[in-house]
Protein backbone atom coordinates (compact mmCIF):
# COMPACT_ATOMS: atom_id res chain seq x y z
CA MET A 1 -9.31 -33.71 -6.66
CA GLU A 2 -6.21 -32.92 -4.61
CA LYS A 3 -6.07 -29.31 -3.46
CA LYS A 4 -3.56 -26.97 -5.02
CA ARG A 5 -0.83 -25.73 -2.65
CA ILE A 6 0.68 -22.22 -2.75
CA LEU A 7 3.71 -20.87 -0.88
CA VAL A 8 3.36 -17.15 -0.19
CA VAL A 9 6.63 -15.32 0.49
CA THR A 10 6.36 -11.88 2.01
CA GLN A 11 8.27 -10.09 4.77
CA HIS A 12 5.05 -8.52 6.14
CA PHE A 13 2.03 -10.58 7.19
CA TRP A 14 -0.56 -10.81 9.90
CA PRO A 15 -0.75 -9.26 12.49
CA GLU A 16 0.76 -6.49 10.41
CA THR A 17 -1.97 -4.90 8.31
CA PHE A 18 -1.03 -5.55 4.69
CA ARG A 19 -3.40 -6.55 1.90
CA ILE A 20 -1.66 -9.93 1.47
CA ASN A 21 -3.60 -10.98 4.59
CA ASP A 22 -6.84 -10.71 2.65
CA VAL A 23 -5.31 -12.31 -0.45
CA VAL A 24 -4.38 -15.37 1.63
CA GLU A 25 -7.89 -15.46 3.11
CA GLY A 26 -9.25 -15.42 -0.46
CA PHE A 27 -6.99 -18.30 -1.49
CA LEU A 28 -8.15 -20.36 1.50
CA ALA A 29 -11.81 -19.58 0.82
CA ASP A 30 -11.30 -20.79 -2.75
CA GLY A 31 -10.05 -24.15 -1.55
CA LEU A 32 -6.30 -23.65 -1.88
CA GLU A 33 -3.82 -24.74 0.76
CA VAL A 34 -1.47 -21.94 1.76
CA ASP A 35 1.87 -21.77 3.61
CA VAL A 36 3.34 -18.38 4.36
CA LEU A 37 7.05 -17.57 4.82
CA CYS A 38 7.26 -14.18 6.47
CA GLY A 39 8.97 -12.01 9.11
CA LEU A 40 8.29 -11.12 12.71
CA PRO A 41 5.78 -8.25 13.05
CA ASN A 42 7.32 -4.84 13.81
CA TYR A 43 5.96 -2.56 11.03
CA PRO A 44 5.58 0.48 10.95
CA LYS A 45 7.14 1.59 14.23
CA GLY A 46 9.91 -0.97 14.29
CA GLU A 47 8.84 -2.36 17.65
CA TRP A 48 7.88 -5.99 18.16
CA PHE A 49 4.20 -6.55 18.32
CA GLU A 50 2.87 -7.82 21.66
CA GLY A 51 3.69 -11.48 22.08
CA TYR A 52 6.54 -11.40 19.57
CA HIS A 53 10.34 -11.09 19.83
CA TYR A 54 13.30 -12.06 17.68
CA THR A 55 13.07 -15.59 19.14
CA GLY A 56 9.54 -16.09 17.93
CA PRO A 57 6.99 -17.49 17.76
CA ARG A 58 8.39 -18.94 14.53
CA ARG A 59 5.46 -21.19 13.65
CA GLN A 60 1.73 -20.27 13.76
CA ASN A 61 -1.59 -21.08 12.17
CA TRP A 62 -3.93 -18.31 10.97
CA LYS A 63 -7.34 -19.04 9.52
CA GLY A 64 -6.04 -22.29 8.03
CA ALA A 65 -2.78 -20.90 6.70
CA HIS A 66 0.50 -22.34 8.12
CA ILE A 67 2.92 -19.49 8.96
CA TYR A 68 6.72 -19.92 9.09
CA ARG A 69 8.48 -16.86 10.46
CA ALA A 70 12.13 -15.94 9.84
CA GLY A 71 14.05 -13.43 11.92
CA GLU A 72 14.82 -9.86 10.98
CA ILE A 73 16.39 -6.71 12.43
CA PRO A 74 13.48 -4.45 13.37
CA ARG A 75 13.34 -1.00 11.83
CA LYS A 76 13.20 0.70 15.26
CA GLY A 77 13.40 4.46 14.95
CA ASN A 78 12.97 4.27 11.18
CA THR A 79 16.38 5.85 10.55
CA GLY A 80 18.05 5.24 7.20
CA LEU A 81 20.46 2.74 8.76
CA ARG A 82 17.73 0.79 10.52
CA ILE A 83 15.54 0.65 7.43
CA PHE A 84 18.53 -0.61 5.39
CA LEU A 85 19.30 -3.29 8.00
CA ASN A 86 15.65 -4.36 8.08
CA TYR A 87 15.61 -4.55 4.28
CA VAL A 88 18.66 -6.83 4.02
CA SER A 89 18.21 -8.93 7.18
CA TRP A 90 14.91 -10.65 6.50
CA PRO A 91 15.77 -12.19 3.11
CA PHE A 92 19.09 -13.29 4.47
CA PHE A 93 17.64 -15.02 7.51
CA ALA A 94 14.73 -16.41 5.47
CA LEU A 95 17.19 -18.35 3.33
CA PHE A 96 18.18 -20.30 6.43
CA ASN A 97 14.57 -21.12 7.12
CA LEU A 98 13.70 -22.66 3.73
CA HIS A 99 14.42 -26.15 5.03
CA ARG A 100 11.51 -25.78 7.50
CA LEU A 101 8.97 -25.59 4.68
CA PRO A 102 7.07 -28.87 4.09
CA GLY A 103 7.10 -28.57 0.26
CA GLY A 104 4.68 -30.03 -2.22
CA TYR A 105 3.78 -26.63 -3.66
CA ASP A 106 2.19 -26.07 -7.04
CA ALA A 107 3.24 -22.43 -7.16
CA ILE A 108 5.04 -19.70 -5.30
CA LEU A 109 3.86 -16.13 -4.97
CA CYS A 110 6.07 -13.37 -3.66
CA TYR A 111 3.97 -10.41 -2.57
CA ASN A 112 6.77 -7.95 -3.26
CA THR A 113 6.44 -4.73 -1.41
CA SER A 114 9.74 -3.05 -0.47
CA PRO A 115 12.40 -4.25 -0.59
CA VAL A 116 12.86 -6.16 -3.86
CA LEU A 117 15.27 -8.38 -1.87
CA MET A 118 12.35 -10.11 -0.22
CA ASP A 119 11.92 -12.14 -3.40
CA LEU A 120 15.30 -13.81 -2.93
CA PRO A 121 14.00 -16.72 -0.73
CA ALA A 122 11.27 -17.33 -3.28
CA ILE A 123 13.80 -17.42 -6.13
CA VAL A 124 16.08 -19.85 -4.34
CA TYR A 125 13.28 -22.19 -3.23
CA ALA A 126 11.67 -22.17 -6.68
CA LYS A 127 14.93 -23.05 -8.41
CA LEU A 128 15.83 -25.77 -5.93
CA HIS A 129 12.44 -27.49 -6.18
CA HIS A 130 11.49 -26.58 -9.79
CA ILE A 131 8.29 -24.72 -8.86
CA PRO A 132 6.79 -21.89 -10.92
CA HIS A 133 7.32 -18.61 -9.16
CA THR A 134 5.42 -15.37 -9.60
CA ASN A 135 6.55 -11.96 -8.29
CA TYR A 136 3.72 -9.46 -7.64
CA VAL A 137 5.56 -6.16 -8.14
CA LEU A 138 3.93 -3.66 -5.77
CA ASP A 139 6.91 -1.33 -5.27
CA LEU A 140 9.20 -0.92 -8.28
CA TRP A 141 12.84 -0.97 -7.28
CA PRO A 142 15.20 0.69 -7.07
CA GLU A 143 12.97 3.71 -7.77
CA ASN A 144 10.83 3.14 -4.69
CA LEU A 145 13.94 2.92 -2.56
CA TYR A 146 14.82 6.49 -3.46
CA SER A 147 11.44 7.78 -2.19
CA VAL A 148 12.39 6.47 1.29
CA LEU A 149 16.20 6.69 1.40
CA PRO A 150 17.83 9.55 -0.60
CA VAL A 151 20.62 7.59 -2.29
CA LYS A 152 22.59 10.04 -4.47
CA ASN A 153 25.84 8.13 -5.12
CA ARG A 154 25.84 7.06 -8.80
CA PHE A 155 27.74 3.85 -8.13
CA LEU A 156 25.31 2.77 -5.41
CA ARG A 157 22.37 3.59 -7.66
CA ALA A 158 23.87 1.54 -10.48
CA VAL A 159 24.31 -1.41 -8.07
CA ALA A 160 20.72 -1.04 -6.84
CA LEU A 161 19.45 -1.14 -10.43
CA LYS A 162 21.41 -4.27 -11.26
CA VAL A 163 20.27 -6.06 -8.11
CA SER A 164 16.68 -5.13 -8.73
CA ASP A 165 16.67 -6.26 -12.34
CA TRP A 166 18.38 -9.53 -11.34
CA HIS A 167 15.48 -10.31 -9.01
CA TYR A 168 12.83 -9.43 -11.59
CA ARG A 169 14.47 -11.56 -14.28
CA ARG A 170 14.70 -14.61 -12.03
CA ALA A 171 10.93 -14.80 -11.51
CA ASP A 172 9.05 -17.03 -13.94
CA LYS A 173 6.20 -14.54 -14.10
CA LEU A 174 5.60 -10.98 -12.98
CA ILE A 175 2.42 -9.16 -12.03
CA ALA A 176 2.21 -5.41 -12.63
CA MET A 177 -0.48 -3.07 -11.33
CA SER A 178 -0.74 -1.00 -14.50
CA ASP A 179 0.05 -1.08 -18.22
CA GLY A 180 2.77 1.55 -17.67
CA LEU A 181 4.50 -0.64 -15.08
CA LYS A 182 4.21 -3.66 -17.36
CA ASP A 183 5.87 -1.80 -20.20
CA LYS A 184 8.77 -0.81 -17.94
CA LEU A 185 9.19 -4.36 -16.64
CA LEU A 186 9.15 -5.68 -20.19
CA ARG A 187 12.00 -3.32 -21.14
CA ARG A 188 14.04 -4.10 -18.04
CA THR A 189 13.62 -7.87 -17.98
CA GLY A 190 13.19 -8.82 -21.66
CA LYS A 191 10.45 -11.27 -20.68
CA PRO A 192 7.76 -12.31 -23.19
CA ALA A 193 4.62 -10.19 -22.77
CA GLU A 194 2.54 -13.17 -21.71
CA ARG A 195 4.79 -13.67 -18.70
CA ILE A 196 3.72 -10.29 -17.23
CA ALA A 197 0.08 -9.82 -16.25
CA VAL A 198 -1.62 -6.53 -15.34
CA ILE A 199 -3.73 -7.08 -12.20
CA PRO A 200 -4.55 -4.00 -10.09
CA GLN A 201 -4.64 -4.28 -6.36
CA TYR A 202 -8.19 -4.74 -5.10
CA CYS A 203 -9.43 -3.55 -1.72
CA GLU A 204 -11.17 -5.62 0.95
CA ASP A 205 -14.94 -5.64 0.74
CA PHE A 206 -15.38 -3.93 4.13
CA TYR A 207 -14.15 -0.64 2.63
CA ALA A 208 -17.36 -0.49 0.60
CA HIS A 209 -19.48 -0.34 3.77
CA PRO A 210 -18.91 2.89 5.72
CA LEU A 211 -19.81 2.52 9.39
CA PRO A 212 -21.76 5.22 11.28
CA ASP A 213 -20.07 6.22 14.55
CA PRO A 214 -22.26 8.80 16.29
CA GLU A 215 -19.59 9.63 18.92
CA LEU A 216 -16.88 10.19 16.34
CA GLU A 217 -19.17 12.21 14.13
CA ALA A 218 -20.33 14.37 17.05
CA ARG A 219 -16.70 15.16 17.86
CA PHE A 220 -16.01 16.58 14.40
CA ALA A 221 -19.49 17.88 13.54
CA GLY A 222 -19.94 21.20 11.77
CA ARG A 223 -16.68 20.84 9.79
CA PHE A 224 -15.74 19.71 6.36
CA ASN A 225 -13.70 16.66 7.24
CA LEU A 226 -11.00 15.78 4.75
CA VAL A 227 -9.63 12.34 5.77
CA PHE A 228 -6.34 10.69 4.94
CA ALA A 229 -5.94 7.14 6.25
CA GLY A 230 -2.74 5.16 5.78
CA ASN A 231 1.01 5.08 6.16
CA PHE A 232 2.97 8.24 6.93
CA SER A 233 6.18 8.02 4.88
CA PRO A 234 7.98 10.30 2.47
CA ALA A 235 6.33 8.53 -0.44
CA GLN A 236 2.93 9.91 0.63
CA SER A 237 4.15 13.54 0.63
CA LEU A 238 1.84 14.38 3.50
CA ASP A 239 3.79 17.58 4.17
CA THR A 240 2.28 18.87 0.89
CA LEU A 241 -1.19 17.97 2.13
CA ILE A 242 -0.64 19.70 5.45
CA ARG A 243 0.73 22.89 3.88
CA ALA A 244 -2.16 22.93 1.36
CA ALA A 245 -4.71 22.43 4.09
CA ALA A 246 -3.18 25.34 6.08
CA ALA A 247 -3.33 27.58 2.97
CA ALA A 248 -6.95 26.57 2.18
CA HIS A 249 -8.10 27.09 5.73
CA SER A 250 -6.88 30.71 5.66
CA LEU A 251 -8.97 31.60 2.55
CA PRO A 252 -12.69 32.40 2.22
CA GLY A 253 -14.70 29.20 2.03
CA GLY A 254 -12.00 27.13 3.74
CA GLU A 255 -12.77 28.12 7.33
CA SER A 256 -14.73 24.89 7.98
CA LEU A 257 -11.90 22.63 6.81
CA HIS A 258 -10.66 19.92 9.18
CA LEU A 259 -7.87 17.58 8.05
CA LEU A 260 -8.02 14.26 9.87
CA LEU A 261 -4.85 12.14 9.51
CA VAL A 262 -5.46 8.51 10.52
CA GLY A 263 -2.37 6.33 10.68
CA ASP A 264 1.28 6.30 11.61
CA GLY A 265 4.73 5.80 10.15
CA MET A 266 8.27 7.03 9.82
CA SER A 267 7.27 10.64 8.92
CA ARG A 268 4.84 11.23 11.76
CA GLN A 269 7.20 13.20 14.05
CA GLU A 270 8.22 15.54 11.20
CA LEU A 271 4.56 16.03 10.15
CA GLU A 272 3.50 16.92 13.65
CA ALA A 273 6.38 19.37 13.93
CA LEU A 274 5.29 20.95 10.66
CA THR A 275 1.70 21.23 11.92
CA ASP A 276 2.93 23.03 15.05
CA GLN A 277 5.15 25.33 12.96
CA LEU A 278 2.07 26.31 10.88
CA ASP A 279 0.02 26.76 14.07
CA ALA A 280 -2.56 24.39 12.54
CA ARG A 281 -3.49 22.15 15.47
CA SER A 282 -6.97 23.68 15.62
CA PHE A 283 -7.91 22.21 12.24
CA ILE A 284 -5.45 19.29 11.75
CA THR A 285 -5.85 16.20 13.89
CA PHE A 286 -3.46 13.20 14.15
CA TRP A 287 -5.60 10.24 15.15
CA GLY A 288 -3.06 7.45 15.22
CA SER A 289 -3.24 3.90 13.79
CA VAL A 290 -6.45 1.89 13.74
CA PRO A 291 -7.17 -1.61 12.37
CA PRO A 292 -8.15 -1.56 8.69
CA THR A 293 -11.63 -2.73 9.59
CA GLU A 294 -12.17 0.56 11.49
CA ILE A 295 -11.30 2.77 8.54
CA PRO A 296 -14.98 2.79 7.39
CA ARG A 297 -15.81 4.72 10.61
CA PHE A 298 -13.70 7.57 9.29
CA SER A 299 -14.93 7.19 5.71
CA HIS A 300 -18.51 7.64 6.95
CA LEU A 301 -17.82 11.06 8.54
CA ALA A 302 -15.59 12.24 5.70
CA GLY A 303 -16.65 15.02 3.37
CA ALA A 304 -13.90 13.70 1.15
CA LEU A 305 -11.00 11.20 1.22
CA ALA A 306 -7.46 12.13 0.24
CA VAL A 307 -4.90 10.19 -1.82
CA SER A 308 -1.43 11.69 -1.85
CA LEU A 309 1.91 10.62 -3.35
CA SER A 310 5.28 12.25 -3.97
CA ASP A 311 6.28 13.31 -7.45
CA SER A 312 8.62 10.43 -8.18
CA PRO A 313 7.95 9.50 -11.79
CA ASP A 314 8.13 5.81 -11.07
CA LEU A 315 5.55 6.02 -8.24
CA GLY A 316 3.26 7.21 -11.07
CA LEU A 317 3.61 3.82 -12.76
CA THR A 318 1.32 2.19 -10.21
CA VAL A 319 -2.18 2.78 -8.89
CA PRO A 320 -1.94 2.91 -5.09
CA ALA A 321 -4.14 0.38 -3.24
CA LYS A 322 -5.57 3.38 -1.43
CA VAL A 323 -7.25 4.52 -4.65
CA ALA A 324 -9.48 1.38 -4.64
CA SER A 325 -10.35 1.65 -0.94
CA CYS A 326 -11.24 5.38 -1.23
CA LEU A 327 -13.38 4.81 -4.30
CA ALA A 328 -15.14 1.89 -2.60
CA ALA A 329 -16.38 4.18 0.16
CA GLY A 330 -18.54 6.15 -2.25
CA LYS A 331 -17.20 9.53 -1.11
CA PRO A 332 -15.53 12.30 -3.08
CA VAL A 333 -11.81 11.52 -3.56
CA LEU A 334 -9.16 14.25 -3.61
CA GLY A 335 -6.08 13.22 -5.59
CA SER A 336 -2.59 14.71 -5.23
CA LEU A 337 -0.49 12.43 -7.43
CA ASN A 338 0.80 11.77 -10.95
CA GLY A 339 0.66 9.02 -13.50
CA GLU A 340 -1.60 5.98 -13.39
CA GLY A 341 -3.24 6.88 -10.08
CA ALA A 342 -4.12 10.36 -11.33
CA ARG A 343 -5.45 8.88 -14.55
CA ALA A 344 -7.68 6.43 -12.66
CA LEU A 345 -9.15 9.15 -10.42
CA THR A 346 -9.67 11.51 -13.33
CA GLU A 347 -11.35 8.77 -15.33
CA ALA A 348 -13.56 7.96 -12.38
CA GLY A 349 -14.74 11.57 -12.04
CA SER A 350 -14.65 11.19 -8.27
CA GLY A 351 -13.35 14.64 -7.33
CA PRO A 352 -10.55 17.14 -7.94
CA VAL A 353 -7.16 15.80 -9.05
CA CYS A 354 -3.96 17.87 -9.06
CA PRO A 355 -0.24 17.19 -9.65
CA ALA A 356 1.84 15.65 -6.92
CA CYS A 357 3.66 17.99 -4.53
CA ASP A 358 1.94 21.09 -5.94
CA THR A 359 0.87 22.88 -2.76
CA GLU A 360 -0.89 25.78 -4.48
CA SER A 361 -2.93 23.52 -6.79
CA LEU A 362 -3.81 21.19 -3.92
CA ALA A 363 -4.98 24.11 -1.76
CA GLN A 364 -7.30 25.24 -4.61
CA ALA A 365 -8.59 21.66 -4.95
CA ILE A 366 -9.32 21.52 -1.25
CA LEU A 367 -11.16 24.83 -1.52
CA GLN A 368 -13.18 23.43 -4.40
CA LEU A 369 -14.29 20.61 -2.19
CA CYS A 370 -15.12 22.90 0.72
CA ARG A 371 -17.17 25.23 -1.45
CA SER A 372 -19.01 22.50 -3.32
CA ASP A 373 -22.70 21.89 -2.55
CA ALA A 374 -24.30 18.60 -1.43
CA ALA A 375 -25.44 17.71 -4.96
CA GLN A 376 -21.87 17.96 -6.36
CA ARG A 377 -20.42 15.89 -3.53
CA GLU A 378 -23.07 13.22 -3.97
CA ALA A 379 -22.28 13.08 -7.71
CA TRP A 380 -18.58 12.66 -7.04
CA GLY A 381 -19.38 9.91 -4.50
CA ARG A 382 -21.62 8.07 -6.98
CA ASN A 383 -18.94 8.21 -9.61
CA ALA A 384 -16.36 6.87 -7.17
CA ARG A 385 -18.47 3.90 -6.18
CA ALA A 386 -19.35 3.08 -9.80
CA TYR A 387 -15.65 3.08 -10.80
CA TYR A 388 -14.80 0.81 -7.87
CA GLU A 389 -17.52 -1.62 -8.92
CA SER A 390 -16.29 -1.85 -12.47
CA HIS A 391 -12.51 -1.88 -11.83
CA TYR A 392 -11.55 -3.00 -8.33
CA ARG A 393 -13.95 -5.73 -7.19
CA ARG A 394 -12.23 -8.24 -4.96
CA SER A 395 -13.81 -11.39 -6.36
CA GLU A 396 -12.86 -10.71 -10.00
CA LEU A 397 -9.28 -9.60 -9.33
CA LEU A 398 -8.69 -12.48 -6.93
CA ARG A 399 -9.89 -14.93 -9.58
CA ARG A 400 -7.46 -13.44 -12.11
CA LEU A 401 -4.64 -13.56 -9.61
CA GLU A 402 -5.19 -17.25 -8.79
CA ALA A 403 -5.51 -18.17 -12.49
CA PHE A 404 -2.28 -16.45 -13.44
CA ILE A 405 -0.27 -17.94 -10.56
CA LEU A 406 -1.46 -21.47 -11.13
CA GLU A 407 -1.71 -21.62 -14.94
């Protein structure tokens, strides 16, 4: 039987560390042929990765996938203007690269992180060649835009809403990460319910296997290590986490707290300045970015893992991918978020959960973790792993994703 062929459209792809890399690996392992239309790697710092520049390379092979890269304006400095230029430049340049694609696709999948505009090349190619096109809505726009760029002008916000809804309506099918997001997309697009599937983001299997690192553990021994690993952007509201950690550390029972922040992003400079302002360098460490496969080193030493989001109501419509990867580690999970993510962590019984951006509640939740005994922490960890096994297993969610795209 002839193999099915899928075109994946996404601005961010290997060597950038996005989950679509693993999705493509899964497609290939299941016998699908995959082409990827993507950008040139510069996320999150906005600097070209080693070996890349605006001029290319524009064509690569990765683990059997054929990669076609279109140009973009890098988000260097992560200023509002540079982020905006990055958002609009890639879909524009990608349109002029559609002719390079070999064709013969059975389906198109847009892995739609921000911006919603990255679906435009998929829409155009699908219409020109009469190919079914699915948009996996990972960041709901324009709401997610406002968590990064504070757009206040009512006219501009109305334009952003119309542009976003135009993109969602043009897809043949949509994938939402939660029932709440599906309901919102149904209202905004008017699509039949069967055209929108609810498929949560899974996490890669390696997150379920924490890795002992004696040297790392010796460095932070004797402390209660609360670990956050991921992107530093306003959407994560890490300033709340830092303020809450400082408050908890000053109270009885919190003296052993150590907050370890692993990652990088547009908010890092501000977060480090806040840490200095709070005189908290003795118990807050910025580690920097590591490859995703190294995150289990930090999960192994963690007394608990943290998930944090801002209080935007529309961020609450999705379950962050981080929820799955933290639960997979089998450690207590501290949640500072609203909506579907908070519901999932509460249902899992994996640790304290408090409202987003509530510094006082988060400080008390951190103290609860610090003061808990080994038996309580082990129970939280067991609950976390059990919930991951039943809700976020890669093999099952990948099977559902393939079936919906190709049906």
